[in-house]
């Protein structure tokens, strides 16, 4: 898919927001929802999405919504750091299929990194164990301040 197009309210993140699909939820406020990536690139890979948006990517988003989203990303990133103690953290966001975007609802990836541990390929690894994701979600959620 290109950078342009119409929002599909049948995408998996829209379904998660409506409660039609499961997710290991980490954090939620009036503006964002954070949950574990089911195809993680590393242990603790977390996604943050805007709750009230039909933006497919960063380029489509209203600046006021984006301000609240990035504050949520920072808050969750701090909790990932506190819970998992990684050596580094990648925060990334893809725009369009050629850039790696696979779900067309604006979202940010928070990917903990440890020295000497290879990073999995985006969207290409196996599905994580739902029970393990739930445990990780609770560990990270406990560190939200």
C-alpha atoms as a PDB file:
ATOM      1  CA  UNK A   1       0.000   0.000   0.000  1.00  0.00           C
ATOM      2  CA  UNK A   2       1.137   3.487  -0.734  1.00  0.00           C
ATOM      3  CA  UNK A   3       1.330   6.493   1.557  1.00  0.00           C
ATOM      4  CA  UNK A   4      -2.079   7.611   0.337  1.00  0.00           C
ATOM      5  CA  UNK A   5      -5.394   5.901   0.731  1.00  0.00           C
ATOM      6  CA  UNK A   6      -8.502   5.643   2.829  1.00  0.00           C
ATOM      7  CA  UNK A   7      -8.598   4.314   6.364  1.00  0.00           C
ATOM      8  CA  UNK A   8      -9.900   0.746   6.682  1.00  0.00           C
ATOM      9  CA  UNK A   9     -11.811   0.384   9.947  1.00  0.00           C
ATOM     10  CA  UNK A  10     -11.488  -3.392   9.576  1.00  0.00           C
ATOM     11  CA  UNK A  11      -7.751  -3.306  10.349  1.00  0.00           C
ATOM     12  CA  UNK A  12      -6.581  -5.330  13.341  1.00  0.00           C
ATOM     13  CA  UNK A  13      -5.778  -2.272  15.487  1.00  0.00           C
ATOM     14  CA  UNK A  14      -9.258  -0.825  14.928  1.00  0.00           C
ATOM     15  CA  UNK A  15     -10.672  -4.208  15.952  1.00  0.00           C
ATOM     16  CA  UNK A  16      -8.529  -4.217  19.106  1.00  0.00           C
ATOM     17  CA  UNK A  17      -9.758  -0.719  19.968  1.00  0.00           C
ATOM     18  CA  UNK A  18     -13.381  -1.844  19.582  1.00  0.00           C
ATOM     19  CA  UNK A  19     -12.785  -4.963  21.680  1.00  0.00           C
ATOM     20  CA  UNK A  20     -13.337  -7.266  18.707  1.00  0.00           C
ATOM     21  CA  UNK A  21      -9.821  -8.734  18.803  1.00  0.00           C
ATOM     22  CA  UNK A  22      -7.684  -9.707  21.789  1.00  0.00           C
ATOM     23  CA  UNK A  23      -4.548  -7.873  22.900  1.00  0.00           C
ATOM     24  CA  UNK A  24      -2.171  -8.060  25.851  1.00  0.00           C
ATOM     25  CA  UNK A  25      -2.862  -4.518  27.044  1.00  0.00           C
ATOM     26  CA  UNK A  26      -0.118  -2.546  28.741  1.00  0.00           C
ATOM     27  CA  UNK A  27      -1.567   0.948  29.152  1.00  0.00           C
ATOM     28  CA  UNK A  28      -4.591   2.968  28.171  1.00  0.00           C
ATOM     29  CA  UNK A  29      -5.658   6.551  28.726  1.00  0.00           C
ATOM     30  CA  UNK A  30      -8.012   8.928  26.905  1.00  0.00           C
ATOM     31  CA  UNK A  31      -5.609   9.234  23.958  1.00  0.00           C
ATOM     32  CA  UNK A  32      -3.612   6.024  23.445  1.00  0.00           C
ATOM     33  CA  UNK A  33      -3.646   2.283  23.844  1.00  0.00           C
ATOM     34  CA  UNK A  34      -0.415   0.330  24.320  1.00  0.00           C
ATOM     35  CA  UNK A  35      -0.250  -3.444  23.893  1.00  0.00           C
ATOM     36  CA  UNK A  36       2.253  -6.191  23.160  1.00  0.00           C
ATOM     37  CA  UNK A  37       3.171  -6.933  19.541  1.00  0.00           C
ATOM     38  CA  UNK A  38       2.083 -10.499  18.737  1.00  0.00           C
ATOM     39  CA  UNK A  39       4.949 -10.789  16.235  1.00  0.00           C
ATOM     40  CA  UNK A  40       7.700  -9.326  18.428  1.00  0.00           C
ATOM     41  CA  UNK A  41      11.141  -8.419  17.171  1.00  0.00           C
ATOM     42  CA  UNK A  42      12.439  -8.735  20.738  1.00  0.00           C
ATOM     43  CA  UNK A  43      11.165  -9.591  24.206  1.00  0.00           C
ATOM     44  CA  UNK A  44       8.921  -6.735  25.356  1.00  0.00           C
ATOM     45  CA  UNK A  45       8.127  -5.324  21.892  1.00  0.00           C
ATOM     46  CA  UNK A  46       5.211  -2.980  22.583  1.00  0.00           C
ATOM     47  CA  UNK A  47       2.946  -0.984  20.271  1.00  0.00           C
ATOM     48  CA  UNK A  48       1.315   2.375  20.976  1.00  0.00           C
ATOM     49  CA  UNK A  49      -1.653   3.546  18.901  1.00  0.00           C
ATOM     50  CA  UNK A  50      -3.952   6.568  18.997  1.00  0.00           C
ATOM     51  CA  UNK A  51      -7.452   5.684  20.215  1.00  0.00           C
ATOM     52  CA  UNK A  52      -9.446   8.323  18.354  1.00  0.00           C
ATOM     53  CA  UNK A  53      -7.883   8.506  14.935  1.00  0.00           C
ATOM     54  CA  UNK A  54      -8.360   7.389  11.369  1.00  0.00           C
ATOM     55  CA  UNK A  55      -4.814   8.275  10.369  1.00  0.00           C
ATOM     56  CA  UNK A  56      -3.133   5.535   8.377  1.00  0.00           C
ATOM     57  CA  UNK A  57       0.334   6.904   9.134  1.00  0.00           C
ATOM     58  CA  UNK A  58       2.282   9.790  10.645  1.00  0.00           C
ATOM     59  CA  UNK A  59       1.717  11.970   7.592  1.00  0.00           C
ATOM     60  CA  UNK A  60      -2.072  11.754   7.973  1.00  0.00           C
ATOM     61  CA  UNK A  61      -2.274  12.575  11.673  1.00  0.00           C
ATOM     62  CA  UNK A  62      -3.528  15.829  13.163  1.00  0.00           C
ATOM     63  CA  UNK A  63      -0.720  17.553  15.148  1.00  0.00           C
ATOM     64  CA  UNK A  64      -2.883  17.801  18.280  1.00  0.00           C
ATOM     65  CA  UNK A  65      -3.533  14.055  18.276  1.00  0.00           C
ATOM     66  CA  UNK A  66       0.108  13.352  17.495  1.00  0.00           C
ATOM     67  CA  UNK A  67       1.267  15.386  20.500  1.00  0.00           C
ATOM     68  CA  UNK A  68      -0.763  13.175  22.841  1.00  0.00           C
ATOM     69  CA  UNK A  69       0.390  10.014  21.092  1.00  0.00           C
ATOM     70  CA  UNK A  70       4.084  10.841  21.414  1.00  0.00           C
ATOM     71  CA  UNK A  71       3.602  11.610  25.113  1.00  0.00           C
ATOM     72  CA  UNK A  72       2.058   8.143  25.461  1.00  0.00           C
ATOM     73  CA  UNK A  73       4.984   6.623  23.546  1.00  0.00           C
ATOM     74  CA  UNK A  74       7.439   8.282  25.933  1.00  0.00           C
ATOM     75  CA  UNK A  75       5.496   7.121  28.994  1.00  0.00           C
ATOM     76  CA  UNK A  76       5.358   3.514  27.801  1.00  0.00           C
ATOM     77  CA  UNK A  77       9.014   3.548  26.695  1.00  0.00           C
ATOM     78  CA  UNK A  78      10.032   4.605  30.207  1.00  0.00           C
ATOM     79  CA  UNK A  79       7.974   1.737  31.644  1.00  0.00           C
ATOM     80  CA  UNK A  80       9.560  -0.772  29.231  1.00  0.00           C
ATOM     81  CA  UNK A  81      12.974   0.419  30.376  1.00  0.00           C
ATOM     82  CA  UNK A  82      12.056   0.171  34.066  1.00  0.00           C
ATOM     83  CA  UNK A  83      10.473  -3.280  33.700  1.00  0.00           C
ATOM     84  CA  UNK A  84      12.951  -5.008  31.408  1.00  0.00           C
ATOM     85  CA  UNK A  85      16.244  -3.139  31.879  1.00  0.00           C
ATOM     86  CA  UNK A  86      17.345  -3.326  28.218  1.00  0.00           C
ATOM     87  CA  UNK A  87      20.691  -1.989  27.013  1.00  0.00           C
ATOM     88  CA  UNK A  88      18.856   0.216  24.499  1.00  0.00           C
ATOM     89  CA  UNK A  89      15.407   0.852  23.070  1.00  0.00           C
ATOM     90  CA  UNK A  90      14.376   1.393  19.468  1.00  0.00           C
ATOM     91  CA  UNK A  91      11.299   3.564  18.933  1.00  0.00           C
ATOM     92  CA  UNK A  92      10.177   3.376  15.338  1.00  0.00           C
ATOM     93  CA  UNK A  93       7.219   4.092  13.097  1.00  0.00           C
ATOM     94  CA  UNK A  94       6.662   2.998   9.474  1.00  0.00           C
ATOM     95  CA  UNK A  95       4.863   4.898   6.691  1.00  0.00           C
ATOM     96  CA  UNK A  96       3.785   2.871   3.654  1.00  0.00           C
ATOM     97  CA  UNK A  97       4.484  -0.710   2.616  1.00  0.00           C
ATOM     98  CA  UNK A  98       7.929   0.001   1.124  1.00  0.00           C
ATOM     99  CA  UNK A  99       8.949   1.351   4.561  1.00  0.00           C
ATOM    100  CA  UNK A 100       7.711  -1.802   6.310  1.00  0.00           C
ATOM    101  CA  UNK A 101       4.198  -0.771   7.368  1.00  0.00           C
ATOM    102  CA  UNK A 102       1.825  -3.734   7.547  1.00  0.00           C
ATOM    103  CA  UNK A 103      -1.108  -2.317   9.546  1.00  0.00           C
ATOM    104  CA  UNK A 104      -2.572   0.950   8.268  1.00  0.00           C
ATOM    105  CA  UNK A 105      -3.464   2.584  11.579  1.00  0.00           C
ATOM    106  CA  UNK A 106      -0.821   4.963  12.923  1.00  0.00           C
ATOM    107  CA  UNK A 107       1.334   3.114  15.446  1.00  0.00           C
ATOM    108  CA  UNK A 108       4.710   3.279  17.123  1.00  0.00           C
ATOM    109  CA  UNK A 109       6.950   0.325  17.986  1.00  0.00           C
ATOM    110  CA  UNK A 110       8.894   0.265  21.255  1.00  0.00           C
ATOM    111  CA  UNK A 111      11.540  -2.431  20.868  1.00  0.00           C
ATOM    112  CA  UNK A 112      13.892  -3.238  23.762  1.00  0.00           C
ATOM    113  CA  UNK A 113      17.425  -4.227  22.715  1.00  0.00           C
ATOM    114  CA  UNK A 114      20.117  -6.166  24.552  1.00  0.00           C
ATOM    115  CA  UNK A 115      23.785  -6.249  23.624  1.00  0.00           C
ATOM    116  CA  UNK A 116      24.586  -9.396  21.644  1.00  0.00           C
ATOM    117  CA  UNK A 117      20.935 -10.401  21.082  1.00  0.00           C
ATOM    118  CA  UNK A 118      19.846 -10.360  17.452  1.00  0.00           C
ATOM    119  CA  UNK A 119      16.774  -8.376  16.486  1.00  0.00           C
ATOM    120  CA  UNK A 120      14.017 -10.319  14.756  1.00  0.00           C
ATOM    121  CA  UNK A 121      12.670  -9.177  11.384  1.00  0.00           C
ATOM    122  CA  UNK A 122       9.663  -6.875  11.441  1.00  0.00           C
ATOM    123  CA  UNK A 123       6.491  -8.874  10.868  1.00  0.00           C
ATOM    124  CA  UNK A 124       8.415 -11.996   9.869  1.00  0.00           C
ATOM    125  CA  UNK A 125       8.979 -13.806  13.146  1.00  0.00           C
ATOM    126  CA  UNK A 126       6.683 -16.345  14.686  1.00  0.00           C
ATOM    127  CA  UNK A 127       3.684 -15.432  16.776  1.00  0.00           C
ATOM    128  CA  UNK A 128       4.478 -15.039  20.471  1.00  0.00           C
ATOM    129  CA  UNK A 129       2.858 -17.112  23.189  1.00  0.00           C
ATOM    130  CA  UNK A 130      -0.233 -15.186  24.407  1.00  0.00           C
ATOM    131  CA  UNK A 131       0.432 -16.202  28.017  1.00  0.00           C
ATOM    132  CA  UNK A 132       3.979 -14.849  27.888  1.00  0.00           C
ATOM    133  CA  UNK A 133       2.726 -11.614  26.328  1.00  0.00           C
ATOM    134  CA  UNK A 134       0.206 -11.210  29.138  1.00  0.00           C
ATOM    135  CA  UNK A 135       2.965 -11.626  31.749  1.00  0.00           C
ATOM    136  CA  UNK A 136       5.198  -9.087  29.969  1.00  0.00           C
ATOM    137  CA  UNK A 137       2.283  -6.668  29.652  1.00  0.00           C
ATOM    138  CA  UNK A 138       1.692  -6.861  33.404  1.00  0.00           C
ATOM    139  CA  UNK A 139       5.395  -6.328  34.167  1.00  0.00           C
ATOM    140  CA  UNK A 140       5.506  -3.219  31.979  1.00  0.00           C
ATOM    141  CA  UNK A 141       2.128  -1.928  33.198  1.00  0.00           C
ATOM    142  CA  UNK A 142       3.361  -2.122  36.784  1.00  0.00           C
ATOM    143  CA  UNK A 143       6.058   0.444  35.895  1.00  0.00           C
ATOM    144  CA  UNK A 144       3.738   3.016  34.272  1.00  0.00           C
ATOM    145  CA  UNK A 145       3.902   6.276  36.173  1.00  0.00           C
END
